Amino acid sequence: MTQSNDTGRIQRIVIVGGGTAGWLAAGMLASKLPSSSKVSLIESPNVSTIGVGEGSWPSLRDTLIDIGIDEKAFITTCHASYKQGSSFVNWRKPSTDEHIYYHPFTVPTAYNELNIHACWQTLAKNDAYQDAFSLQAAMCKAGKAPKQENTPDYAHVLNYGYHFDATALANLLKQHCIEKRNVSYVQAHIGQVKNDDDGFISALVTDKGEEIAGDLFIDCSGQQGILIGKHFNVPWISVENTLINNRAVAIQVPYSDSDNAIASTTVATAQSTGWTWDIGLQHRRGVGLVYADGMISEAQATDTLLAHVSKRYDADKTACKVKDLRFSPGYREQFWVKNCLSLGMSSGFVEPLEASAIAMVELGLRMLCEAFPHNHQHMSTLSNRYNARFTYRWQRVIDFLKLHYVLSDREEPYWLAQRDPETIPDSLAELLDIWRYQSPSRLDFIENEEIFPSASYQYVLYGMGYETAMPATRLTHDSVVKAKDIRNKMQQMQQAYLNGLPSNRALLAQISAHFNKDDSYAAIGFR
């Protein structure tokens, strides 16, 4: 039994649940907090990570640096590949040619200095928006990696995140946290939650009778919400009336000799009854179909998924193991109650489009670490601010994801349901009206750390063919000169990038060649 904390300071942090969210929390807190703090993680012995292939934002690079993970070790151990954004196939009405647009991680050059939309329309209106002031979409089309072999760990030529095996990452973080960050690990079920006289959690009792006391409890127990949901009874705010998807079927697909390229983006392909993701790792692809169970059955969804996979891979359907994933799109009414903070799916989840789930975990951890509570009184103030900030963030995630659907002109029942005016949040409807006359900008998103910047909205809007009027004020001569200069330099750089950057597959093979597959985690390098 852990001794009580008589100082009143928040020194003992107890994390409930492993997986990506739990072990990221353990790694960040154990790395950031003073050595006098104690981080413990309790993990159920029979709850596994979904592991269908995950995508991250570039923010994961900073997170892994903070935790102390060597990038090449991470890439090798987790079969990771480079992700430079998302590409969207056929989200507009199907035709004889595929319609593809990109949402790259690199914002257009001089985005904060020029009206990029107006410059695009003035100087390059026949180019796709994504290509007018950025080279990243072109490099993604060419299958190029975002860096070279001699580029330092976590540095980049083009901004990037990762695709990775979620189960392998959880295992890597687990071993690192236990061996290098002194995280106390308990494998058990939670049998009882004890409160003090003020309603704060004082201790957890496992099914083995072990009592684990703490000052701050992090609920990473997934959809169960063991602490935030079952103990504190915080309601789940459903957004299924806005984002109608609530199911997915997923499959792991090996590469064939004729299908060996590793894509630089998460490929999101619109289907008549939903959309499929395709994530290329080093050793396999993770492919899934997201859909609404009120519109098709699981069997129909599985048939759609296998038909999509068979276009690139001649798989034996009887040998394919398809996972069924169920979720209720929404978020908690409160994320931090008393001394319990929820992260990951216990906090909120809408759907895998644009890979916001891990980013929300990272944002939550950064806000917690940068303003870590000293005591319960301080915690009360911080939790109010945290709850307000993350309610806003979830609402912005919902608006941004809904934007992808409402711009579609597909006419199948699924797509008509997705853009039913009754399902569009008032906040998004107002922005769409504004964007008829002015392009998305900092005036539309006023938080200092927006979950999606205005540039992301521009990539989606104009990738989907949305039309915005030219501004009422004219472009200055200096702006036009600067924009022309940027485009001239881009033309010069494009060939250099095409010649100098290796393919994703080639760079990942070079990195993996430096590590013996039989080496232990410790042998392949941690800081």
Protein backbone atom coordinates (compact mmCIF):
# COMPACT_ATOMS: atom_id res chain seq x y z
CA MET A 1 0.00 0.00 0.00
CA THR A 2 1.33 3.43 -1.00
CA GLN A 3 1.77 5.84 1.91
CA SER A 4 -0.43 8.93 2.10
CA ASN A 5 0.78 12.31 0.87
CA ASP A 6 0.84 14.70 3.81
CA THR A 7 2.31 17.68 1.95
CA GLY A 8 -0.77 18.45 -0.12
CA ARG A 9 1.37 18.65 -3.25
CA ILE A 10 0.46 16.66 -6.34
CA GLN A 11 3.28 14.13 -6.45
CA ARG A 12 1.69 10.73 -7.12
CA ILE A 13 0.15 10.32 -10.57
CA VAL A 14 -1.80 7.16 -11.33
CA ILE A 15 -2.70 6.33 -14.93
CA VAL A 16 -5.51 3.86 -15.60
CA GLY A 17 -5.12 2.12 -18.93
CA GLY A 18 -2.20 1.50 -21.29
CA GLY A 19 -2.34 1.70 -25.07
CA THR A 20 -1.05 4.71 -26.94
CA ALA A 21 -2.78 7.28 -24.71
CA GLY A 22 -1.76 5.71 -21.41
CA TRP A 23 1.88 5.15 -22.25
CA LEU A 24 2.26 8.57 -23.89
CA ALA A 25 0.91 10.05 -20.65
CA ALA A 26 3.29 7.96 -18.56
CA GLY A 27 6.27 8.92 -20.71
CA MET A 28 5.50 12.63 -20.80
CA LEU A 29 4.74 12.98 -17.09
CA ALA A 30 7.68 10.86 -15.96
CA SER A 31 9.98 12.92 -18.20
CA LYS A 32 8.63 16.34 -17.25
CA LEU A 33 7.92 16.05 -13.52
CA PRO A 34 10.63 16.28 -10.82
CA SER A 35 12.26 13.14 -9.54
CA SER A 36 10.28 13.40 -6.30
CA SER A 37 7.11 12.59 -8.25
CA LYS A 38 5.94 9.02 -8.75
CA VAL A 39 4.12 7.87 -11.90
CA SER A 40 2.23 4.58 -11.84
CA LEU A 41 0.26 2.88 -14.60
CA ILE A 42 -2.40 0.23 -14.08
CA GLU A 43 -3.23 -1.84 -17.15
CA SER A 44 -5.82 -4.56 -17.58
CA PRO A 45 -4.23 -7.92 -18.44
CA ASN A 46 -6.73 -8.65 -21.23
CA VAL A 47 -7.37 -5.35 -23.02
CA SER A 48 -5.28 -4.98 -26.17
CA THR A 49 -4.54 -2.04 -28.47
CA ILE A 50 -6.73 -2.02 -31.59
CA GLY A 51 -3.62 -1.97 -33.79
CA VAL A 52 -5.10 -1.42 -37.26
CA GLY A 53 -2.45 1.17 -38.14
CA GLU A 54 -2.32 4.68 -36.75
CA GLY A 55 -1.57 8.10 -38.14
CA SER A 56 -0.12 11.07 -36.28
CA TRP A 57 0.50 14.74 -36.77
CA PRO A 58 4.00 16.31 -36.78
CA SER A 59 3.48 17.05 -33.07
CA LEU A 60 4.37 13.43 -32.29
CA ARG A 61 7.99 14.23 -33.16
CA ASP A 62 8.20 16.72 -30.26
CA THR A 63 6.40 14.28 -27.96
CA LEU A 64 8.88 11.48 -28.69
CA ILE A 65 11.77 13.90 -28.17
CA ASP A 66 10.36 14.89 -24.77
CA ILE A 67 9.93 11.26 -23.75
CA GLY A 68 13.47 10.44 -24.92
CA ILE A 69 12.85 8.02 -27.79
CA ASP A 70 15.45 7.77 -30.55
CA GLU A 71 13.71 8.37 -33.89
CA LYS A 72 15.45 5.62 -35.82
CA ALA A 73 14.70 3.16 -33.03
CA PHE A 74 11.04 4.20 -33.09
CA ILE A 75 10.83 3.89 -36.88
CA THR A 76 12.43 0.45 -36.87
CA THR A 77 10.66 -1.01 -33.85
CA CYS A 78 7.19 0.30 -34.74
CA HIS A 79 7.42 -0.41 -38.50
CA ALA A 80 6.74 3.30 -38.90
CA SER A 81 6.63 5.30 -42.12
CA TYR A 82 6.54 9.01 -42.86
CA LYS A 83 3.22 10.78 -43.15
CA GLN A 84 3.17 14.17 -44.87
CA GLY A 85 -0.57 14.75 -44.70
CA SER A 86 -3.79 13.26 -46.05
CA SER A 87 -5.03 12.71 -49.58
CA PHE A 88 -8.70 12.49 -50.50
CA VAL A 89 -9.91 10.40 -53.40
CA ASN A 90 -13.33 10.80 -55.01
CA TRP A 91 -14.92 12.91 -52.28
CA ARG A 92 -16.56 14.73 -55.15
CA LYS A 93 -18.98 13.11 -57.60
CA PRO A 94 -17.37 10.05 -59.25
CA SER A 95 -16.32 10.43 -62.86
CA THR A 96 -14.14 8.58 -65.33
CA ASP A 97 -11.07 10.16 -63.69
CA GLU A 98 -10.29 10.03 -59.99
CA HIS A 99 -10.60 13.34 -58.18
CA ILE A 100 -7.73 13.67 -55.69
CA TYR A 101 -6.74 16.55 -53.48
CA TYR A 102 -4.20 16.85 -50.67
CA HIS A 103 -4.13 18.32 -47.20
CA PRO A 104 -0.35 18.49 -46.58
CA PHE A 105 1.27 19.31 -43.25
CA THR A 106 3.26 22.21 -44.67
CA VAL A 107 1.29 25.45 -44.86
CA PRO A 108 1.63 27.47 -48.08
CA THR A 109 4.80 29.58 -48.24
CA ALA A 110 4.27 33.11 -46.78
CA TYR A 111 0.78 32.09 -45.64
CA ASN A 112 0.85 34.56 -42.74
CA GLU A 113 2.21 37.38 -44.89
CA LEU A 114 0.10 37.17 -48.06
CA ASN A 115 -3.51 36.53 -48.92
CA ILE A 116 -2.66 33.15 -50.46
CA HIS A 117 -6.13 32.57 -51.87
CA ALA A 118 -6.08 35.91 -53.70
CA CYS A 119 -2.51 35.33 -54.94
CA TRP A 120 -3.51 31.86 -56.17
CA GLN A 121 -6.49 33.23 -58.07
CA THR A 122 -4.42 36.08 -59.50
CA LEU A 123 -1.27 34.20 -60.52
CA ALA A 124 -2.04 30.48 -60.74
CA LYS A 125 -5.77 29.85 -60.89
CA ASN A 126 -5.26 26.92 -63.27
CA ASP A 127 -3.08 25.15 -60.70
CA ALA A 128 -4.56 23.15 -57.86
CA TYR A 129 -4.61 25.24 -54.67
CA GLN A 130 -2.35 22.72 -52.93
CA ASP A 131 0.36 23.24 -55.57
CA ALA A 132 0.23 27.02 -55.94
CA PHE A 133 2.50 27.87 -52.99
CA SER A 134 3.66 24.51 -51.63
CA LEU A 135 5.74 21.64 -52.99
CA GLN A 136 4.62 19.02 -50.47
CA ALA A 137 1.62 17.68 -52.39
CA ALA A 138 3.82 17.20 -55.47
CA MET A 139 6.38 15.30 -53.38
CA CYS A 140 3.62 13.12 -51.95
CA LYS A 141 2.42 12.31 -55.47
CA ALA A 142 5.98 11.31 -56.33
CA GLY A 143 6.21 9.08 -53.24
CA LYS A 144 9.11 11.08 -51.82
CA ALA A 145 10.24 10.95 -48.21
CA PRO A 146 10.28 14.24 -46.27
CA LYS A 147 14.03 14.05 -45.55
CA GLN A 148 17.31 12.38 -46.50
CA GLU A 149 19.25 9.68 -44.69
CA ASN A 150 21.77 12.15 -43.26
CA THR A 151 19.08 14.57 -42.02
CA PRO A 152 19.27 14.56 -38.19
CA ASP A 153 16.68 12.75 -36.10
CA TYR A 154 13.33 14.56 -36.07
CA ALA A 155 14.59 17.30 -38.43
CA HIS A 156 12.94 17.67 -41.81
CA VAL A 157 13.05 19.06 -45.31
CA LEU A 158 9.25 18.81 -45.51
CA ASN A 159 7.06 18.72 -42.39
CA TYR A 160 5.97 15.22 -41.39
CA GLY A 161 4.28 12.98 -38.86
CA TYR A 162 4.13 9.19 -38.90
CA HIS A 163 2.13 6.12 -39.66
CA PHE A 164 2.94 3.38 -37.16
CA ASP A 165 1.88 0.08 -35.63
CA ALA A 166 -0.10 1.15 -32.55
CA THR A 167 0.54 -2.09 -30.67
CA ALA A 168 4.30 -1.86 -31.29
CA LEU A 169 4.37 1.77 -30.15
CA ALA A 170 2.54 0.93 -26.92
CA ASN A 171 5.05 -1.85 -26.25
CA LEU A 172 8.03 0.40 -27.03
CA LEU A 173 6.76 3.16 -24.75
CA LYS A 174 5.95 0.64 -22.03
CA GLN A 175 9.46 -0.78 -21.91
CA HIS A 176 11.03 2.67 -22.13
CA CYS A 177 8.83 4.07 -19.35
CA ILE A 178 9.49 1.17 -17.01
CA GLU A 179 13.23 0.80 -17.67
CA LYS A 180 14.28 4.41 -18.33
CA ARG A 181 11.66 6.58 -16.62
CA ASN A 182 10.99 4.53 -13.46
CA VAL A 183 7.25 4.25 -14.10
CA SER A 184 5.65 1.77 -11.70
CA TYR A 185 3.64 -0.81 -13.63
CA VAL A 186 0.72 -2.83 -12.29
CA GLN A 187 -1.17 -5.36 -14.37
CA ALA A 188 -4.60 -5.76 -12.83
CA HIS A 189 -8.26 -4.84 -13.02
CA ILE A 190 -9.69 -1.99 -10.97
CA GLY A 191 -11.86 -3.47 -8.25
CA GLN A 192 -12.76 -0.37 -6.22
CA VAL A 193 -12.35 3.40 -6.32
CA LYS A 194 -11.92 5.16 -2.96
CA ASN A 195 -12.81 8.81 -2.37
CA ASP A 196 -11.75 11.22 0.36
CA ASP A 197 -14.23 13.40 2.27
CA ASP A 198 -14.14 16.07 -0.46
CA GLY A 199 -15.01 13.66 -3.27
CA PHE A 200 -11.48 13.43 -4.67
CA ILE A 201 -10.16 9.97 -5.55
CA SER A 202 -7.76 8.87 -2.84
CA ALA A 203 -6.86 5.38 -4.02
CA LEU A 204 -7.66 2.56 -6.41
CA VAL A 205 -7.96 -1.02 -5.20
CA THR A 206 -7.11 -3.72 -7.73
CA ASP A 207 -8.84 -7.09 -8.04
CA LYS A 208 -5.73 -8.51 -6.37
CA GLY A 209 -6.34 -6.41 -3.26
CA GLU A 210 -3.46 -3.97 -3.86
CA GLU A 211 -4.28 -0.38 -2.91
CA ILE A 212 -2.67 2.33 -5.05
CA ALA A 213 -2.95 5.82 -3.63
CA GLY A 214 -2.56 8.94 -5.75
CA ASP A 215 -2.99 12.69 -5.97
CA LEU A 216 -3.87 12.91 -9.66
CA PHE A 217 -5.55 10.15 -11.67
CA ILE A 218 -5.40 9.99 -15.48
CA ASP A 219 -8.22 7.98 -17.08
CA CYS A 220 -6.90 6.34 -20.26
CA SER A 221 -9.27 3.39 -20.08
CA GLY A 222 -10.77 3.95 -23.51
CA GLN A 223 -14.49 3.74 -24.16
CA GLN A 224 -15.03 2.18 -20.72
CA GLY A 225 -14.23 5.49 -19.00
CA ILE A 226 -13.68 3.64 -15.73
CA LEU A 227 -13.03 6.77 -13.67
CA ILE A 228 -14.51 9.68 -15.62
CA GLY A 229 -17.60 7.78 -16.76
CA LYS A 230 -18.35 4.96 -14.35
CA HIS A 231 -17.08 6.59 -11.15
CA PHE A 232 -17.81 10.29 -11.69
CA ASN A 233 -20.76 9.70 -14.05
CA VAL A 234 -19.73 12.49 -16.41
CA PRO A 235 -22.17 12.39 -19.37
CA TRP A 236 -21.07 11.61 -22.90
CA ILE A 237 -22.23 14.27 -25.38
CA SER A 238 -23.17 12.40 -28.55
CA VAL A 239 -22.59 14.12 -31.89
CA GLU A 240 -24.04 11.30 -33.99
CA ASN A 241 -26.66 13.74 -35.28
CA THR A 242 -23.76 15.68 -36.90
CA LEU A 243 -21.15 13.03 -37.71
CA ILE A 244 -23.22 9.94 -38.45
CA ASN A 245 -20.42 7.34 -38.63
CA ASN A 246 -20.30 4.94 -35.69
CA ARG A 247 -18.69 1.77 -37.02
CA ALA A 248 -15.63 0.62 -38.91
CA VAL A 249 -14.29 -2.64 -40.31
CA ALA A 250 -10.53 -2.96 -40.68
CA ILE A 251 -8.00 -5.34 -42.15
CA GLN A 252 -4.21 -5.74 -42.26
CA VAL A 253 -2.98 -6.25 -45.81
CA PRO A 254 0.52 -7.52 -46.68
CA TYR A 255 2.42 -5.93 -49.54
CA SER A 256 2.72 -7.82 -52.80
CA ASP A 257 5.65 -7.49 -55.18
CA SER A 258 3.55 -5.33 -57.48
CA ASP A 259 2.22 -3.13 -54.65
CA ASN A 260 5.32 -2.23 -52.69
CA ALA A 261 5.32 1.58 -52.60
CA ILE A 262 4.68 3.24 -49.23
CA ALA A 263 2.36 6.21 -49.63
CA SER A 264 3.38 9.53 -48.06
CA THR A 265 -0.19 10.27 -46.96
CA THR A 266 -3.13 8.65 -45.28
CA VAL A 267 -5.28 7.89 -48.32
CA ALA A 268 -8.98 8.53 -47.60
CA THR A 269 -11.14 7.21 -50.43
CA ALA A 270 -14.84 7.98 -50.60
CA GLN A 271 -17.08 4.94 -51.13
CA SER A 272 -20.80 4.91 -51.85
CA THR A 273 -21.53 3.96 -48.22
CA GLY A 274 -18.68 5.60 -46.28
CA TRP A 275 -14.96 6.12 -46.74
CA THR A 276 -11.86 3.95 -46.50
CA TRP A 277 -8.51 4.75 -44.93
CA ASP A 278 -5.30 3.24 -46.27
CA ILE A 279 -2.18 3.54 -44.12
CA GLY A 280 1.11 2.18 -45.41
CA LEU A 281 3.55 0.84 -42.82
CA GLN A 282 6.87 -0.79 -43.62
CA HIS A 283 5.58 -4.35 -43.39
CA ARG A 284 1.89 -4.02 -44.29
CA ARG A 285 -0.99 -1.70 -45.00
CA GLY A 286 -3.79 -0.98 -42.55
CA VAL A 287 -7.06 -0.51 -44.43
CA GLY A 288 -10.52 0.15 -43.04
CA LEU A 289 -14.00 1.34 -43.96
CA VAL A 290 -15.78 3.90 -41.76
CA TYR A 291 -19.58 3.81 -42.03
CA ALA A 292 -22.92 4.36 -40.28
CA ASP A 293 -24.63 1.18 -39.09
CA GLY A 294 -28.05 2.71 -39.72
CA MET A 295 -27.37 2.67 -43.46
CA ILE A 296 -25.58 -0.63 -44.17
CA SER A 297 -24.92 -3.88 -42.33
CA GLU A 298 -21.57 -5.15 -41.12
CA ALA A 299 -21.62 -7.78 -43.88
CA GLN A 300 -22.18 -5.11 -46.54
CA ALA A 301 -19.39 -2.98 -45.02
CA THR A 302 -17.03 -5.97 -45.09
CA ASP A 303 -17.84 -6.68 -48.74
CA THR A 304 -17.18 -3.02 -49.62
CA LEU A 305 -13.86 -3.08 -47.78
CA LEU A 306 -12.66 -6.31 -49.40
CA ALA A 307 -13.70 -5.06 -52.84
CA HIS A 308 -11.65 -1.90 -52.25
CA VAL A 309 -8.62 -3.88 -51.06
CA SER A 310 -8.80 -6.26 -54.03
CA LYS A 311 -8.23 -3.35 -56.43
CA ARG A 312 -4.62 -3.22 -55.22
CA TYR A 313 -4.08 -6.63 -53.66
CA ASP A 314 -5.38 -10.00 -54.85
CA ALA A 315 -6.31 -11.27 -51.40
CA ASP A 316 -8.02 -14.55 -50.57
CA LYS A 317 -11.20 -13.27 -48.93
CA THR A 318 -11.56 -16.39 -46.82
CA ALA A 319 -8.11 -15.78 -45.29
CA CYS A 320 -8.76 -12.12 -44.42
CA LYS A 321 -9.31 -11.37 -40.74
CA VAL A 322 -11.59 -8.35 -40.58
CA LYS A 323 -11.93 -6.48 -37.29
CA ASP A 324 -15.22 -4.88 -36.33
CA LEU A 325 -14.82 -1.56 -34.49
CA ARG A 326 -17.70 0.24 -32.78
CA PHE A 327 -17.72 3.76 -31.39
CA SER A 328 -20.14 6.43 -30.31
CA PRO A 329 -19.00 9.78 -31.76
CA GLY A 330 -18.85 12.43 -29.07
CA TYR A 331 -16.98 13.81 -26.10
CA ARG A 332 -17.35 14.23 -22.33
CA GLU A 333 -19.34 17.05 -20.82
CA GLN A 334 -16.27 17.58 -18.62
CA PHE A 335 -12.79 16.16 -19.14
CA TRP A 336 -11.30 16.96 -15.73
CA VAL A 337 -13.36 16.40 -12.59
CA LYS A 338 -11.86 16.77 -9.11
CA ASN A 339 -8.48 15.01 -9.44
CA CYS A 340 -9.39 12.87 -12.46
CA LEU A 341 -8.32 13.91 -15.97
CA SER A 342 -9.50 11.86 -18.95
CA LEU A 343 -7.39 11.37 -22.08
CA GLY A 344 -7.89 9.40 -25.28
CA MET A 345 -11.16 7.65 -26.01
CA SER A 346 -12.38 8.03 -22.43
CA SER A 347 -12.31 11.79 -23.14
CA GLY A 348 -13.74 11.88 -26.65
CA PHE A 349 -13.65 10.34 -30.11
CA VAL A 350 -15.52 11.20 -33.27
CA GLU A 351 -13.97 9.26 -36.17
CA PRO A 352 -10.50 8.56 -37.59
CA LEU A 353 -10.72 11.21 -40.34
CA GLU A 354 -7.69 13.58 -40.17
CA ALA A 355 -6.10 11.64 -37.25
CA SER A 356 -7.14 14.05 -34.50
CA ALA A 357 -7.32 11.45 -31.69
CA ILE A 358 -3.61 11.20 -30.80
CA ALA A 359 -3.16 14.94 -31.35
CA MET A 360 -5.83 15.63 -28.73
CA VAL A 361 -3.99 13.38 -26.27
CA GLU A 362 -0.77 15.30 -26.95
CA LEU A 363 -2.47 18.68 -26.55
CA GLY A 364 -4.00 17.54 -23.26
CA LEU A 365 -0.65 16.36 -21.93
CA ARG A 366 1.10 19.58 -22.95
CA MET A 367 -1.51 21.72 -21.24
CA LEU A 368 -1.25 19.55 -18.12
CA CYS A 369 2.56 19.64 -18.05
CA GLU A 370 2.84 23.37 -18.73
CA ALA A 371 0.36 24.19 -15.94
CA PHE A 372 0.74 21.26 -13.57
CA PRO A 373 -1.33 21.60 -10.37
CA HIS A 374 0.45 22.22 -7.08
CA ASN A 375 -2.48 21.20 -4.88
CA HIS A 376 -6.23 20.56 -5.00
CA GLN A 377 -7.12 24.26 -4.81
CA HIS A 378 -4.88 25.04 -7.77
CA MET A 379 -6.25 21.97 -9.56
CA SER A 380 -9.81 23.27 -9.30
CA THR A 381 -8.90 26.43 -11.21
CA LEU A 382 -6.84 24.57 -13.80
CA SER A 383 -9.56 21.99 -14.42
CA ASN A 384 -12.12 24.71 -15.18
CA ARG A 385 -9.78 26.25 -17.73
CA TYR A 386 -8.91 22.85 -19.21
CA ASN A 387 -12.58 21.91 -19.58
CA ALA A 388 -13.40 25.15 -21.37
CA ARG A 389 -10.40 24.83 -23.71
CA PHE A 390 -11.10 21.23 -24.67
CA THR A 391 -14.82 21.73 -25.15
CA TYR A 392 -13.86 24.39 -27.67
CA ARG A 393 -11.30 22.08 -29.28
CA TRP A 394 -13.73 19.21 -29.70
CA GLN A 395 -16.25 21.55 -31.27
CA ARG A 396 -13.62 22.72 -33.75
CA VAL A 397 -12.66 19.12 -34.57
CA ILE A 398 -16.31 18.38 -35.31
CA ASP A 399 -16.64 21.46 -37.53
CA PHE A 400 -13.48 20.59 -39.48
CA LEU A 401 -14.41 16.96 -40.05
CA LYS A 402 -17.95 17.89 -41.03
CA LEU A 403 -16.51 20.32 -43.58
CA HIS A 404 -15.16 17.36 -45.59
CA TYR A 405 -18.66 15.96 -45.99
CA VAL A 406 -20.75 19.08 -46.60
CA LEU A 407 -18.62 20.10 -49.59
CA SER A 408 -19.22 16.81 -51.40
CA ASP A 409 -21.61 16.65 -54.36
CA ARG A 410 -21.94 12.86 -54.29
CA GLU A 411 -25.57 11.76 -54.56
CA GLU A 412 -25.68 8.38 -52.79
CA PRO A 413 -27.99 8.24 -49.72
CA TYR A 414 -25.00 8.15 -47.35
CA TRP A 415 -23.57 11.38 -48.73
CA LEU A 416 -26.94 13.09 -48.86
CA ALA A 417 -27.40 12.23 -45.19
CA GLN A 418 -23.95 13.60 -44.36
CA ARG A 419 -24.76 17.01 -45.82
CA ASP A 420 -28.37 17.26 -44.64
CA PRO A 421 -28.66 20.90 -43.44
CA GLU A 422 -30.09 19.66 -40.14
CA THR A 423 -26.76 17.95 -39.39
CA ILE A 424 -24.53 20.99 -40.02
CA PRO A 425 -23.49 22.85 -36.82
CA ASP A 426 -24.49 26.51 -36.75
CA SER A 427 -20.84 27.45 -36.21
CA LEU A 428 -19.80 25.75 -39.46
CA ALA A 429 -22.78 27.06 -41.43
CA GLU A 430 -21.84 30.60 -40.41
CA LEU A 431 -18.23 30.11 -41.48
CA LEU A 432 -19.25 28.67 -44.84
CA ASP A 433 -21.35 31.76 -45.44
CA ILE A 434 -18.42 34.03 -44.51
CA TRP A 435 -16.06 32.02 -46.74
CA ARG A 436 -18.16 32.84 -49.79
CA TYR A 437 -16.69 36.33 -49.51
CA GLN A 438 -13.35 35.93 -47.74
CA SER A 439 -10.96 33.02 -47.38
CA PRO A 440 -10.38 31.30 -44.00
CA SER A 441 -7.97 33.32 -41.86
CA ARG A 442 -6.83 34.01 -38.31
CA LEU A 443 -9.97 36.13 -37.90
CA ASP A 444 -12.06 32.95 -37.91
CA PHE A 445 -10.03 31.05 -35.28
CA ILE A 446 -8.99 33.12 -32.29
CA GLU A 447 -7.41 30.60 -29.92
CA ASN A 448 -3.62 30.73 -29.68
CA GLU A 449 -3.39 26.96 -30.25
CA GLU A 450 -6.10 26.03 -32.73
CA ILE A 451 -6.53 22.31 -33.32
CA PHE A 452 -6.69 22.98 -37.08
CA PRO A 453 -5.23 26.24 -38.46
CA SER A 454 -7.02 28.25 -41.10
CA ALA A 455 -4.60 26.91 -43.73
CA SER A 456 -6.08 23.43 -43.20
CA TYR A 457 -9.54 24.77 -43.94
CA GLN A 458 -8.22 26.36 -47.13
CA TYR A 459 -6.70 23.09 -48.32
CA VAL A 460 -10.02 21.29 -47.86
CA LEU A 461 -12.26 24.07 -49.17
CA TYR A 462 -10.36 24.68 -52.36
CA GLY A 463 -9.41 21.06 -52.84
CA MET A 464 -13.15 20.38 -52.97
CA GLY A 465 -13.80 23.20 -55.41
CA TYR A 466 -15.35 25.76 -53.07
CA GLU A 467 -15.44 29.26 -54.53
CA THR A 468 -14.53 32.38 -52.56
CA ALA A 469 -14.84 35.86 -54.02
CA MET A 470 -11.74 37.95 -54.44
CA PRO A 471 -11.22 40.38 -51.52
CA ALA A 472 -12.81 43.82 -51.64
CA THR A 473 -9.35 45.36 -51.27
CA ARG A 474 -6.86 44.89 -54.10
CA LEU A 475 -3.55 43.07 -53.86
CA THR A 476 -0.68 45.48 -53.51
CA HIS A 477 2.10 45.59 -56.06
CA ASP A 478 4.60 44.38 -53.43
CA SER A 479 2.38 41.38 -52.63
CA VAL A 480 2.19 40.37 -56.26
CA VAL A 481 5.96 40.72 -56.68
CA LYS A 482 6.59 38.64 -53.56
CA ALA A 483 4.14 35.95 -54.64
CA LYS A 484 5.73 35.72 -58.10
CA ASP A 485 9.18 35.43 -56.51
CA ILE A 486 7.98 32.58 -54.29
CA ARG A 487 6.57 30.69 -57.25
CA ASN A 488 9.76 31.15 -59.26
CA LYS A 489 11.85 29.80 -56.41
CA MET A 490 9.47 26.85 -56.00
CA GLN A 491 9.97 25.90 -59.63
CA GLN A 492 13.71 25.86 -59.09
CA MET A 493 13.42 23.83 -55.88
CA GLN A 494 10.99 21.24 -57.21
CA GLN A 495 13.49 19.46 -59.43
CA ALA A 496 16.11 19.57 -56.68
CA TYR A 497 13.63 17.91 -54.30
CA LEU A 498 12.67 15.28 -56.87
CA ASN A 499 16.34 14.48 -57.45
CA GLY A 500 17.53 14.73 -53.85
CA LEU A 501 14.78 13.13 -51.78
CA PRO A 502 14.61 9.32 -51.69
CA SER A 503 11.32 7.44 -51.81
CA ASN A 504 9.62 6.55 -48.54
CA ARG A 505 10.45 2.88 -49.05
CA ALA A 506 14.12 3.56 -49.86
CA LEU A 507 14.74 5.81 -46.85
CA LEU A 508 12.97 3.49 -44.43
CA ALA A 509 14.99 0.55 -45.75
CA GLN A 510 18.22 2.51 -45.22
CA ILE A 511 17.24 3.31 -41.62
CA SER A 512 16.18 -0.23 -40.81
CA ALA A 513 19.42 -1.60 -42.25
CA HIS A 514 21.34 0.10 -39.43
CA PHE A 515 19.53 -1.91 -36.78
CA ASN A 516 19.79 -5.63 -36.09
CA LYS A 517 16.29 -7.01 -35.73
CA ASP A 518 17.48 -9.21 -32.87
CA ASP A 519 18.70 -6.24 -30.83
CA SER A 520 16.82 -5.34 -27.68
CA TYR A 521 15.14 -1.97 -27.31
CA ALA A 522 17.93 -0.85 -25.04
CA ALA A 523 20.56 -1.78 -27.60
CA ILE A 524 19.01 0.26 -30.39
CA GLY A 525 19.19 3.49 -28.53
CA PHE A 526 17.31 5.58 -26.02
CA ARG A 527 18.24 8.93 -24.60
